[in-house]
Structure formats: structure tokens, C-alpha cells
N, C-alpha and C. Protein backbone atom coordinates (compact mmCIF):
# COMPACT_ATOMS: atom_id res chain seq x y z
N MET A 1 119.02 124.24 46.90
CA MET A 1 119.08 122.95 46.25
C MET A 1 120.38 122.76 45.49
N ASP A 2 121.10 123.82 45.20
CA ASP A 2 122.35 123.69 44.46
C ASP A 2 123.56 123.49 45.34
N GLN A 3 123.35 123.38 46.64
CA GLN A 3 124.46 123.15 47.55
C GLN A 3 125.01 121.74 47.33
N PRO A 4 126.33 121.60 47.40
CA PRO A 4 126.90 120.24 47.29
C PRO A 4 126.40 119.37 48.45
N ILE A 5 126.27 118.09 48.17
CA ILE A 5 125.84 117.14 49.20
C ILE A 5 127.08 116.50 49.78
N SER A 6 127.25 116.60 51.08
CA SER A 6 128.45 116.05 51.71
C SER A 6 128.39 114.53 51.74
N LEU A 7 129.56 113.92 51.79
CA LEU A 7 129.65 112.47 51.87
C LEU A 7 128.94 111.98 53.14
N GLU A 8 129.08 112.72 54.22
CA GLU A 8 128.43 112.36 55.48
C GLU A 8 126.91 112.33 55.31
N THR A 9 126.38 113.30 54.59
CA THR A 9 124.94 113.36 54.35
C THR A 9 124.49 112.18 53.49
N VAL A 10 125.26 111.86 52.46
CA VAL A 10 124.93 110.73 51.58
C VAL A 10 124.94 109.43 52.38
N VAL A 11 125.97 109.22 53.18
CA VAL A 11 126.07 107.99 53.97
C VAL A 11 124.91 107.91 54.96
N GLY A 12 124.58 109.01 55.60
CA GLY A 12 123.45 109.04 56.52
C GLY A 12 122.15 108.69 55.82
N PHE A 13 121.97 109.22 54.63
CA PHE A 13 120.77 108.92 53.84
C PHE A 13 120.72 107.43 53.50
N LEU A 14 121.83 106.88 53.03
CA LEU A 14 121.86 105.46 52.68
C LEU A 14 121.55 104.58 53.88
N LEU A 15 122.08 104.97 55.03
CA LEU A 15 121.81 104.21 56.26
C LEU A 15 120.33 104.22 56.62
N ALA A 16 119.66 105.33 56.32
CA ALA A 16 118.25 105.48 56.69
C ALA A 16 117.29 104.97 55.61
N THR A 17 117.81 104.56 54.46
CA THR A 17 116.96 104.12 53.35
C THR A 17 116.94 102.60 53.30
N PRO A 18 115.74 102.00 53.45
CA PRO A 18 115.64 100.54 53.52
C PRO A 18 116.35 99.78 52.40
N LEU A 19 116.34 100.29 51.19
CA LEU A 19 116.98 99.60 50.07
C LEU A 19 118.45 99.31 50.37
N PHE A 20 119.11 100.21 51.08
CA PHE A 20 120.54 100.08 51.37
C PHE A 20 120.82 99.55 52.77
N GLY A 21 119.77 99.18 53.49
CA GLY A 21 119.89 98.79 54.89
C GLY A 21 120.81 97.62 55.19
N SER A 22 120.96 96.70 54.26
CA SER A 22 121.78 95.51 54.53
C SER A 22 123.24 95.68 54.14
N LEU A 23 123.60 96.85 53.59
CA LEU A 23 124.98 97.07 53.16
C LEU A 23 125.88 97.46 54.33
N ASP A 24 127.08 96.90 54.34
CA ASP A 24 128.05 97.34 55.35
C ASP A 24 128.80 98.57 54.81
N ALA A 25 129.71 99.11 55.59
CA ALA A 25 130.39 100.35 55.23
C ALA A 25 131.15 100.23 53.90
N ALA A 26 131.85 99.13 53.68
CA ALA A 26 132.61 98.95 52.44
C ALA A 26 131.67 98.86 51.24
N GLU A 27 130.56 98.17 51.41
CA GLU A 27 129.58 98.03 50.32
C GLU A 27 128.93 99.37 50.00
N ARG A 28 128.62 100.15 51.04
CA ARG A 28 128.08 101.50 50.80
C ARG A 28 129.09 102.34 50.04
N GLY A 29 130.37 102.17 50.36
CA GLY A 29 131.42 102.89 49.65
C GLY A 29 131.45 102.54 48.17
N GLU A 30 131.27 101.26 47.85
CA GLU A 30 131.22 100.84 46.45
C GLU A 30 130.06 101.52 45.72
N VAL A 31 128.93 101.58 46.40
CA VAL A 31 127.73 102.17 45.80
C VAL A 31 127.91 103.66 45.58
N VAL A 32 128.46 104.34 46.56
CA VAL A 32 128.66 105.79 46.44
C VAL A 32 129.61 106.10 45.27
N ARG A 33 130.60 105.25 45.05
CA ARG A 33 131.55 105.48 43.95
C ARG A 33 130.91 105.40 42.56
N ILE A 34 129.83 104.66 42.43
CA ILE A 34 129.20 104.54 41.10
C ILE A 34 127.98 105.46 40.96
N MET A 35 127.70 106.24 41.96
CA MET A 35 126.50 107.07 42.01
C MET A 35 126.75 108.46 41.43
N ASP A 36 125.79 108.94 40.67
CA ASP A 36 125.79 110.32 40.19
C ASP A 36 124.64 111.04 40.87
N VAL A 37 124.81 112.33 41.08
CA VAL A 37 123.74 113.15 41.65
C VAL A 37 123.14 113.97 40.52
N ARG A 38 121.82 113.93 40.40
CA ARG A 38 121.12 114.75 39.39
C ARG A 38 120.12 115.64 40.10
N ARG A 39 120.06 116.87 39.66
CA ARG A 39 119.09 117.84 40.20
C ARG A 39 118.19 118.29 39.06
N LEU A 40 116.91 118.23 39.30
CA LEU A 40 115.93 118.57 38.27
C LEU A 40 114.92 119.57 38.82
N GLN A 41 114.29 120.27 37.89
CA GLN A 41 113.23 121.21 38.23
C GLN A 41 111.87 120.57 37.90
N ALA A 42 110.82 121.17 38.43
CA ALA A 42 109.46 120.67 38.20
C ALA A 42 109.21 120.44 36.71
N GLY A 43 108.66 119.27 36.39
CA GLY A 43 108.30 118.95 35.02
C GLY A 43 109.41 118.31 34.20
N GLU A 44 110.65 118.36 34.68
CA GLU A 44 111.73 117.74 33.92
C GLU A 44 111.58 116.23 33.94
N GLU A 45 111.78 115.64 32.77
CA GLU A 45 111.63 114.20 32.61
C GLU A 45 112.93 113.49 32.97
N ILE A 46 112.81 112.46 33.76
CA ILE A 46 113.96 111.63 34.12
C ILE A 46 114.15 110.58 33.04
N PHE A 47 113.05 109.93 32.66
CA PHE A 47 113.03 109.05 31.50
C PHE A 47 111.60 108.91 31.02
N HIS A 48 111.47 108.44 29.78
CA HIS A 48 110.17 108.31 29.13
C HIS A 48 109.84 106.84 28.89
N GLU A 49 108.58 106.53 28.99
CA GLU A 49 108.12 105.17 28.70
C GLU A 49 108.64 104.74 27.33
N GLY A 50 109.24 103.55 27.27
CA GLY A 50 109.79 103.04 26.02
C GLY A 50 111.28 103.27 25.86
N ASP A 51 111.85 104.21 26.65
CA ASP A 51 113.30 104.44 26.60
C ASP A 51 114.05 103.19 27.06
N ALA A 52 115.28 103.09 26.63
CA ALA A 52 116.16 102.01 27.11
C ALA A 52 116.46 102.24 28.59
N GLY A 53 116.54 101.16 29.33
CA GLY A 53 116.85 101.26 30.77
C GLY A 53 118.33 101.39 30.99
N ASP A 54 118.80 102.62 31.14
CA ASP A 54 120.24 102.85 31.27
C ASP A 54 120.68 103.14 32.70
N ALA A 55 119.73 103.25 33.65
CA ALA A 55 120.07 103.56 35.02
C ALA A 55 118.88 103.28 35.93
N TRP A 56 119.16 103.19 37.24
CA TRP A 56 118.10 103.16 38.24
C TRP A 56 118.38 104.30 39.21
N TYR A 57 117.37 104.69 39.98
CA TYR A 57 117.42 105.92 40.74
C TYR A 57 116.87 105.76 42.15
N VAL A 58 117.30 106.67 43.03
CA VAL A 58 116.75 106.78 44.37
C VAL A 58 116.53 108.27 44.63
N ILE A 59 115.36 108.60 45.16
CA ILE A 59 115.05 110.01 45.43
C ILE A 59 115.70 110.44 46.75
N PHE A 60 116.51 111.49 46.66
CA PHE A 60 117.18 112.06 47.83
C PHE A 60 116.33 113.20 48.42
N GLU A 61 115.84 114.08 47.56
CA GLU A 61 114.99 115.19 47.99
C GLU A 61 113.91 115.42 46.95
N GLY A 62 112.68 115.66 47.39
CA GLY A 62 111.61 116.00 46.48
C GLY A 62 110.73 114.81 46.16
N GLN A 63 109.93 114.99 45.10
CA GLN A 63 109.01 113.95 44.66
C GLN A 63 109.06 113.82 43.14
N ALA A 64 108.69 112.63 42.67
CA ALA A 64 108.63 112.37 41.23
C ALA A 64 107.28 111.75 40.90
N ASN A 65 106.74 112.12 39.76
CA ASN A 65 105.47 111.56 39.29
C ASN A 65 105.74 110.45 38.29
N VAL A 66 105.04 109.34 38.47
CA VAL A 66 105.11 108.22 37.54
C VAL A 66 103.87 108.30 36.66
N LEU A 67 104.09 108.28 35.34
CA LEU A 67 103.01 108.44 34.37
C LEU A 67 103.03 107.30 33.37
N LYS A 68 101.86 106.90 32.93
CA LYS A 68 101.73 105.84 31.93
C LYS A 68 101.11 106.44 30.69
N ASP A 69 101.71 106.18 29.52
CA ASP A 69 101.14 106.67 28.27
C ASP A 69 99.77 106.05 28.07
N ALA A 70 98.80 106.89 27.67
CA ALA A 70 97.44 106.44 27.43
C ALA A 70 96.88 107.21 26.23
N VAL A 71 95.73 106.80 25.75
CA VAL A 71 95.12 107.41 24.58
C VAL A 71 94.92 108.91 24.78
N GLY A 72 94.43 109.33 25.94
CA GLY A 72 94.17 110.74 26.19
C GLY A 72 95.37 111.52 26.69
N GLY A 73 96.54 110.92 26.69
CA GLY A 73 97.74 111.57 27.19
C GLY A 73 98.26 110.82 28.41
N PRO A 74 99.34 111.31 28.99
CA PRO A 74 99.93 110.62 30.14
C PRO A 74 98.95 110.54 31.31
N THR A 75 98.85 109.36 31.91
CA THR A 75 97.97 109.13 33.06
C THR A 75 98.82 108.96 34.31
N PRO A 76 98.56 109.75 35.36
CA PRO A 76 99.32 109.60 36.60
C PRO A 76 99.09 108.23 37.23
N ILE A 77 100.17 107.60 37.63
CA ILE A 77 100.10 106.28 38.28
C ILE A 77 100.39 106.42 39.77
N SER A 78 101.45 107.14 40.10
CA SER A 78 101.79 107.34 41.50
C SER A 78 102.77 108.50 41.64
N THR A 79 102.96 108.89 42.89
CA THR A 79 103.96 109.89 43.23
C THR A 79 104.94 109.24 44.19
N LEU A 80 106.21 109.37 43.88
CA LEU A 80 107.27 108.77 44.69
C LEU A 80 107.95 109.85 45.52
N GLY A 81 108.32 109.50 46.74
CA GLY A 81 108.96 110.46 47.63
C GLY A 81 110.36 110.02 48.04
N VAL A 82 110.90 110.73 48.99
CA VAL A 82 112.26 110.51 49.48
C VAL A 82 112.48 109.04 49.83
N GLY A 83 113.59 108.49 49.33
CA GLY A 83 113.96 107.11 49.61
C GLY A 83 113.41 106.10 48.61
N ALA A 84 112.50 106.54 47.74
CA ALA A 84 111.91 105.62 46.77
C ALA A 84 112.92 105.28 45.68
N CYS A 85 112.92 104.03 45.31
CA CYS A 85 113.76 103.52 44.22
C CYS A 85 112.86 103.36 43.00
N PHE A 86 113.38 103.74 41.83
CA PHE A 86 112.62 103.53 40.60
C PHE A 86 113.57 103.31 39.44
N GLY A 87 113.04 102.71 38.38
CA GLY A 87 113.86 102.41 37.21
C GLY A 87 114.56 101.08 37.30
N GLU A 88 114.36 100.38 38.40
CA GLU A 88 115.08 99.12 38.60
C GLU A 88 114.56 97.99 37.74
N MET A 89 113.29 98.05 37.32
CA MET A 89 112.77 96.96 36.48
C MET A 89 113.58 96.83 35.19
N ALA A 90 113.84 97.95 34.53
CA ALA A 90 114.59 97.92 33.27
C ALA A 90 116.03 97.45 33.48
N ILE A 91 116.57 97.73 34.66
CA ILE A 91 117.93 97.28 34.96
C ILE A 91 117.95 95.77 35.16
N LEU A 92 116.92 95.26 35.84
CA LEU A 92 116.90 93.83 36.14
C LEU A 92 116.52 92.97 34.95
N ASP A 93 115.57 93.45 34.11
CA ASP A 93 115.13 92.59 33.02
C ASP A 93 115.63 93.01 31.64
N GLY A 94 116.28 94.16 31.55
CA GLY A 94 116.85 94.60 30.28
C GLY A 94 115.83 95.11 29.27
N LEU A 95 114.57 95.24 29.66
CA LEU A 95 113.53 95.71 28.75
C LEU A 95 113.41 97.22 28.82
N ALA A 96 112.60 97.78 27.93
CA ALA A 96 112.40 99.22 27.89
C ALA A 96 111.63 99.70 29.12
N ARG A 97 111.70 101.00 29.36
CA ARG A 97 111.00 101.62 30.49
C ARG A 97 109.50 101.37 30.36
N SER A 98 108.87 101.03 31.47
CA SER A 98 107.44 100.73 31.47
C SER A 98 106.57 101.94 31.78
N ALA A 99 107.19 103.06 32.12
CA ALA A 99 106.45 104.28 32.44
C ALA A 99 107.37 105.48 32.27
N THR A 100 106.79 106.66 32.36
CA THR A 100 107.53 107.91 32.32
C THR A 100 107.64 108.42 33.76
N VAL A 101 108.79 109.00 34.10
CA VAL A 101 108.95 109.59 35.44
C VAL A 101 109.43 111.02 35.26
N ARG A 102 108.72 111.95 35.96
CA ARG A 102 109.04 113.38 35.90
C ARG A 102 109.15 113.95 37.29
N ALA A 103 109.97 114.99 37.42
CA ALA A 103 110.08 115.71 38.69
C ALA A 103 108.77 116.42 38.98
N ALA A 104 108.24 116.24 40.19
CA ALA A 104 107.00 116.90 40.59
C ALA A 104 107.28 118.34 41.02
N GLY A 105 108.48 118.59 41.41
CA GLY A 105 108.96 119.90 41.86
C GLY A 105 110.46 119.82 41.85
N PRO A 106 111.16 120.69 42.56
CA PRO A 106 112.61 120.53 42.65
C PRO A 106 112.94 119.13 43.17
N LEU A 107 113.86 118.48 42.50
CA LEU A 107 114.13 117.07 42.79
C LEU A 107 115.63 116.79 42.74
N THR A 108 116.11 116.06 43.73
CA THR A 108 117.48 115.57 43.72
C THR A 108 117.42 114.06 43.79
N ILE A 109 118.07 113.42 42.83
CA ILE A 109 118.07 111.96 42.76
C ILE A 109 119.50 111.45 42.67
N PHE A 110 119.67 110.24 43.16
CA PHE A 110 120.93 109.53 42.98
C PHE A 110 120.71 108.59 41.80
N ARG A 111 121.60 108.67 40.83
CA ARG A 111 121.49 107.88 39.60
C ARG A 111 122.60 106.82 39.61
N PHE A 112 122.22 105.59 39.30
CA PHE A 112 123.16 104.48 39.23
C PHE A 112 123.11 103.93 37.82
N ARG A 113 124.12 104.25 37.03
CA ARG A 113 124.13 103.82 35.63
C ARG A 113 124.26 102.31 35.53
N ARG A 114 123.55 101.78 34.56
CA ARG A 114 123.49 100.33 34.36
C ARG A 114 124.88 99.71 34.23
N GLU A 115 125.70 100.26 33.35
CA GLU A 115 127.00 99.62 33.11
C GLU A 115 127.88 99.62 34.35
N ARG A 116 127.81 100.67 35.13
CA ARG A 116 128.62 100.73 36.36
C ARG A 116 128.10 99.74 37.40
N PHE A 117 126.76 99.62 37.48
CA PHE A 117 126.18 98.67 38.42
C PHE A 117 126.49 97.24 37.98
N GLU A 118 126.39 96.98 36.68
CA GLU A 118 126.73 95.64 36.18
C GLU A 118 128.20 95.32 36.40
N ASP A 119 129.07 96.33 36.31
CA ASP A 119 130.49 96.10 36.62
C ASP A 119 130.65 95.58 38.04
N LEU A 120 129.91 96.20 38.99
CA LEU A 120 129.98 95.72 40.38
C LEU A 120 129.51 94.27 40.47
N LEU A 121 128.42 93.95 39.78
CA LEU A 121 127.92 92.57 39.80
C LEU A 121 128.95 91.62 39.20
N ASN A 122 129.54 92.01 38.08
CA ASN A 122 130.54 91.15 37.42
C ASN A 122 131.80 90.97 38.26
N GLN A 123 132.08 91.94 39.12
CA GLN A 123 133.23 91.83 40.02
C GLN A 123 132.90 91.01 41.26
N GLY A 124 131.65 90.56 41.35
CA GLY A 124 131.24 89.74 42.49
C GLY A 124 130.97 90.55 43.74
N SER A 125 130.62 91.81 43.58
CA SER A 125 130.34 92.67 44.73
C SER A 125 129.13 92.16 45.51
N LEU A 126 129.34 91.79 46.77
CA LEU A 126 128.25 91.34 47.61
C LEU A 126 127.22 92.46 47.79
N GLY A 127 127.69 93.70 47.88
CA GLY A 127 126.79 94.84 48.03
C GLY A 127 125.85 94.97 46.85
N ALA A 128 126.37 94.78 45.64
CA ALA A 128 125.52 94.86 44.44
C ALA A 128 124.48 93.75 44.46
N TYR A 129 124.88 92.55 44.88
CA TYR A 129 123.92 91.45 44.96
C TYR A 129 122.88 91.71 46.04
N LYS A 130 123.28 92.32 47.15
CA LYS A 130 122.32 92.69 48.18
C LYS A 130 121.31 93.70 47.65
N LEU A 131 121.78 94.63 46.82
CA LEU A 131 120.86 95.61 46.24
C LEU A 131 119.88 94.94 45.27
N VAL A 132 120.35 93.98 44.49
CA VAL A 132 119.45 93.25 43.60
C VAL A 132 118.38 92.53 44.42
N ALA A 133 118.78 91.91 45.52
CA ALA A 133 117.81 91.23 46.39
C ALA A 133 116.81 92.23 46.97
N ALA A 134 117.28 93.40 47.37
CA ALA A 134 116.39 94.43 47.91
C ALA A 134 115.43 94.94 46.83
N MET A 135 115.92 95.07 45.60
CA MET A 135 115.04 95.48 44.49
C MET A 135 113.97 94.42 44.26
N ALA A 136 114.36 93.16 44.30
CA ALA A 136 113.40 92.08 44.10
C ALA A 136 112.32 92.12 45.17
N LYS A 137 112.70 92.39 46.41
CA LYS A 137 111.71 92.50 47.49
C LYS A 137 110.78 93.68 47.25
N THR A 138 111.33 94.80 46.79
CA THR A 138 110.51 95.97 46.48
C THR A 138 109.51 95.65 45.38
N LEU A 139 109.98 95.00 44.33
CA LEU A 139 109.09 94.62 43.23
C LEU A 139 108.02 93.63 43.69
N SER A 140 108.38 92.72 44.58
CA SER A 140 107.42 91.76 45.11
C SER A 140 106.33 92.48 45.90
N LYS A 141 106.70 93.45 46.71
CA LYS A 141 105.71 94.23 47.47
C LYS A 141 104.77 94.96 46.53
N ARG A 142 105.32 95.55 45.47
CA ARG A 142 104.49 96.25 44.49
C ARG A 142 103.53 95.28 43.81
N GLN A 143 104.01 94.09 43.48
CA GLN A 143 103.17 93.09 42.82
C GLN A 143 102.04 92.66 43.74
N ARG A 144 102.33 92.45 45.01
CA ARG A 144 101.29 92.06 45.97
C ARG A 144 100.24 93.16 46.11
N ARG A 145 100.70 94.42 46.17
CA ARG A 145 99.78 95.55 46.29
C ARG A 145 98.89 95.62 45.03
N LEU A 146 99.49 95.45 43.86
CA LEU A 146 98.73 95.48 42.62
C LEU A 146 97.70 94.35 42.57
N THR A 147 98.10 93.17 42.97
CA THR A 147 97.19 92.03 43.00
C THR A 147 96.01 92.32 43.93
N GLN A 148 96.29 92.92 45.08
CA GLN A 148 95.22 93.26 46.02
C GLN A 148 94.28 94.31 45.42
N GLN A 149 94.84 95.30 44.76
CA GLN A 149 94.01 96.34 44.15
C GLN A 149 93.14 95.77 43.04
N ILE A 150 93.70 94.87 42.23
CA ILE A 150 92.92 94.23 41.17
C ILE A 150 91.79 93.40 41.79
N SER A 151 92.12 92.67 42.85
CA SER A 151 91.12 91.86 43.53
C SER A 151 89.98 92.72 44.06
N GLU A 152 90.32 93.83 44.69
CA GLU A 152 89.30 94.73 45.22
C GLU A 152 88.45 95.33 44.10
N LEU A 153 89.07 95.66 42.99
CA LEU A 153 88.34 96.20 41.86
C LEU A 153 87.38 95.16 41.29
N LEU A 154 87.83 93.93 41.20
CA LEU A 154 86.98 92.86 40.67
C LEU A 154 85.82 92.55 41.62
N ASP A 155 86.02 92.75 42.92
CA ASP A 155 84.97 92.48 43.91
C ASP A 155 83.98 93.63 44.03
N ASP A 156 84.30 94.79 43.50
CA ASP A 156 83.45 95.96 43.61
C ASP A 156 82.21 95.76 42.74
N THR A 157 81.04 95.74 43.37
CA THR A 157 79.80 95.49 42.63
C THR A 157 79.46 96.63 41.68
N ALA A 158 80.04 97.81 41.90
CA ALA A 158 79.79 98.94 41.00
C ALA A 158 80.59 98.83 39.71
N THR A 159 81.58 97.96 39.69
CA THR A 159 82.40 97.78 38.49
C THR A 159 81.59 97.04 37.44
N SER A 160 81.55 97.58 36.28
CA SER A 160 80.75 96.94 35.22
C SER A 160 81.35 95.60 34.82
N GLN A 161 80.50 94.75 34.29
CA GLN A 161 80.94 93.43 33.84
C GLN A 161 81.99 93.53 32.73
N ALA A 162 81.83 94.50 31.82
CA ALA A 162 82.78 94.65 30.71
C ALA A 162 84.18 94.97 31.24
N ILE A 163 84.26 95.89 32.19
CA ILE A 163 85.57 96.24 32.77
C ILE A 163 86.14 95.05 33.50
N ARG A 164 85.30 94.36 34.25
CA ARG A 164 85.74 93.19 34.99
C ARG A 164 86.34 92.14 34.05
N GLU A 165 85.70 91.92 32.90
CA GLU A 165 86.20 90.94 31.94
C GLU A 165 87.53 91.39 31.34
N GLN A 166 87.67 92.69 31.08
CA GLN A 166 88.93 93.20 30.55
C GLN A 166 90.06 93.02 31.55
N ILE A 167 89.79 93.30 32.80
CA ILE A 167 90.82 93.14 33.84
C ILE A 167 91.19 91.67 33.99
N GLU A 168 90.19 90.80 33.98
CA GLU A 168 90.48 89.37 34.10
C GLU A 168 91.34 88.88 32.94
N GLU A 169 91.08 89.43 31.74
CA GLU A 169 91.88 89.07 30.57
C GLU A 169 93.34 89.51 30.76
N VAL A 170 93.54 90.71 31.27
CA VAL A 170 94.90 91.20 31.52
C VAL A 170 95.59 90.34 32.57
N VAL A 171 94.85 90.01 33.63
CA VAL A 171 95.42 89.18 34.69
C VAL A 171 95.85 87.83 34.12
N GLU A 172 95.00 87.24 33.29
CA GLU A 172 95.35 85.95 32.69
C GLU A 172 96.54 86.07 31.75
N ARG A 173 96.53 87.12 30.93
CA ARG A 173 97.61 87.31 29.93
C ARG A 173 98.97 87.46 30.62
N TYR A 174 99.00 88.23 31.70
CA TYR A 174 100.28 88.49 32.35
C TYR A 174 100.50 87.63 33.59
N GLN A 175 99.60 86.72 33.82
CA GLN A 175 99.72 85.76 34.92
C GLN A 175 100.07 86.43 36.22
N VAL A 176 99.27 87.44 36.60
CA VAL A 176 99.46 88.13 37.87
C VAL A 176 99.04 87.18 38.96
N SER A 177 99.98 86.81 39.80
CA SER A 177 99.70 85.86 40.86
C SER A 177 100.69 86.04 42.00
N GLU A 178 100.46 85.31 43.05
CA GLU A 178 101.38 85.33 44.19
C GLU A 178 102.55 84.46 43.80
């Protein structure tokens, strides 16, 4: 895991990763120039819920666990694998991190610092704008999946009325919709 990653390997990875699929060679070059490589061991925290959003990430090797702070301690939300993008919400909306992300095992991630990414946007980089559009599509897919899961939970006859009312209140408060 400590071997250097060749430029050829990075470019091949970007070509195979949907988030970067619409970038041409020059745009991929811009992205690679602002990218840092981070290697983590199992249990190492990438960021914590509530932290400032200073970067977004893509998993190159390994898996990461997404956790949400809860009364009884961190609650697992999902596990992300190779090619998954995360941390983009804080980059796009400027708000604090909405969850904690930790390495599930040995993990290599590509880190894109906020200020460097914003520099590309401010320079009018078409590649950076394409990435923002790809992030928006990713977030839209997640929202649709969440809406479907909430709908299925509300339709489940085994779900108690009290839980159903709490979920409906959250849906109304945050206006979860298509």
C-alpha cells in the first residue's frame, strides 16, 4: 500500500470512475494537479461530523465507513468502496460535515482541497464545472434512494404509528421530495 501511484494508474482510474467520465485529457490534468493522495489504516478518521468541509474525496483503494452521531454512539450509515465520492456536500453548500467517515481497513483516497477546487472554478475551468454537475447527479441519486427507502418504511405495516409520525415530521421539515 505504500508504493507510489503512477500517473498512468491515476489517469486510468479517473477514466474508469463515473464522476470523472465527462472530463477530457486537459481537464483530467487540471484535476490531478490539485489532488493529494492520502493513505490511512483501519479506524483512522478522515473527518468527523460537524467539522468544516475543507475537502472532498474519492476512494482509490479500500473501503470507508460512514457514521452518524447518535445517542448511543456512532451509528453506521453505509460503507463506500472504490470510486465512491464523499465529502462533496460540504464543498457544495459550505456547511459542516453531516457525518463521520473512517477507514474500514487500509485505505487510499484522493483528496481535493476546497480552496484548490474553488480556484479551478474561479478560473472558469470547464472540468471543475463538469465535476460539480457530476456531484449534483450523485447527490440526486442518493436523494431518490433515500426517498424510496423512507416510502418503503412508511408503507411497512410492521412500522409503528409513532415511528411513522416521526419520519413524516422529518420529511415535512426537510421537504424531502423529487
